[in-house]
Structures are given as structure tokens and as C-alpha cells.
């Protein structure tokens, strides 16, 4: 769960960086990369943990 929060927070930081660079192609790419990390971090929270034997 902690890893998911770290991924989400890093995604927010990267998205904000991309948002400020948006008039250029690099800005849109960085913004999409950050948004993808946010979505993947949220999806990781709903995944059931692997049970060890």
C-alpha cells in the first residue's frame, strides 16, 4: 500500500511538471507519463496481495 502512495505522489509531481511545460510536445508527454503513474498507483491499491505459503 505504501508503494502505491509513493507512485501516486510521484505521478502528481511529474504531472505538475508536465502541466507547466504543456505548450510543447515534451510537456504533453511528461503530463501523460505522470497521469499514467497516478492511474497505475490507484489500480495497484485495488489489487489483492499475493498470499505467501
Protein backbone atom coordinates (compact mmCIF):
# COMPACT_ATOMS: atom_id res chain seq x y z
CA UNK A 1 0.00 0.00 0.00
CA UNK A 2 2.88 2.35 0.77
CA UNK A 3 4.39 1.76 -2.66
CA UNK A 4 1.08 2.70 -4.28
CA UNK A 5 1.03 6.03 -2.44
CA UNK A 6 4.63 6.74 -3.46
CA UNK A 7 3.79 6.05 -7.11
CA UNK A 8 0.73 8.31 -6.91
CA UNK A 9 2.66 11.17 -5.29
CA UNK A 10 5.46 10.91 -7.84
CA UNK A 11 2.83 10.85 -10.59
CA UNK A 12 1.32 14.06 -9.24
CA UNK A 13 4.72 15.76 -9.16
CA UNK A 14 5.55 14.66 -12.70
CA UNK A 15 2.08 15.68 -13.92
CA UNK A 16 2.50 19.15 -12.46
CA UNK A 17 5.87 19.46 -14.16
CA UNK A 18 4.32 18.40 -17.46
CA UNK A 19 1.40 20.79 -16.96
CA UNK A 20 3.76 23.75 -16.76
CA UNK A 21 5.51 22.62 -19.96
CA UNK A 22 2.29 21.87 -21.92
CA UNK A 23 2.63 24.20 -24.92
CA UNK A 24 5.38 21.92 -26.22
CA UNK A 25 5.39 18.27 -27.19
CA UNK A 26 7.63 17.39 -24.23
CA UNK A 27 5.09 18.87 -21.84
CA UNK A 28 2.26 16.69 -23.14
CA UNK A 29 4.44 13.60 -22.98
CA UNK A 30 5.54 14.28 -19.41
CA UNK A 31 1.95 15.08 -18.38
CA UNK A 32 0.71 11.78 -19.84
CA UNK A 33 3.53 9.89 -18.16
CA UNK A 34 2.59 11.37 -14.79
CA UNK A 35 -1.12 10.69 -15.28
CA UNK A 36 -0.35 7.09 -16.18
CA UNK A 37 1.55 6.69 -12.90
CA UNK A 38 -1.39 8.09 -10.96
CA UNK A 39 -3.79 5.64 -12.61
CA UNK A 40 -1.43 2.69 -12.10
CA UNK A 41 -0.90 3.61 -8.45
CA UNK A 42 -4.66 3.70 -7.87
CA UNK A 43 -5.16 0.38 -9.66
CA UNK A 44 -2.39 -1.16 -7.57
CA UNK A 45 -4.33 -0.28 -4.41
CA UNK A 46 -7.26 -2.44 -5.53
CA UNK A 47 -5.10 -5.46 -6.39
CA UNK A 48 -5.21 -8.27 -3.87
CA UNK A 49 -1.84 -9.09 -2.30
CA UNK A 50 -0.14 -12.38 -3.11
CA UNK A 51 -0.55 -14.80 -0.23
CA UNK A 52 2.70 -16.46 0.81
CA UNK A 53 2.59 -20.11 1.78
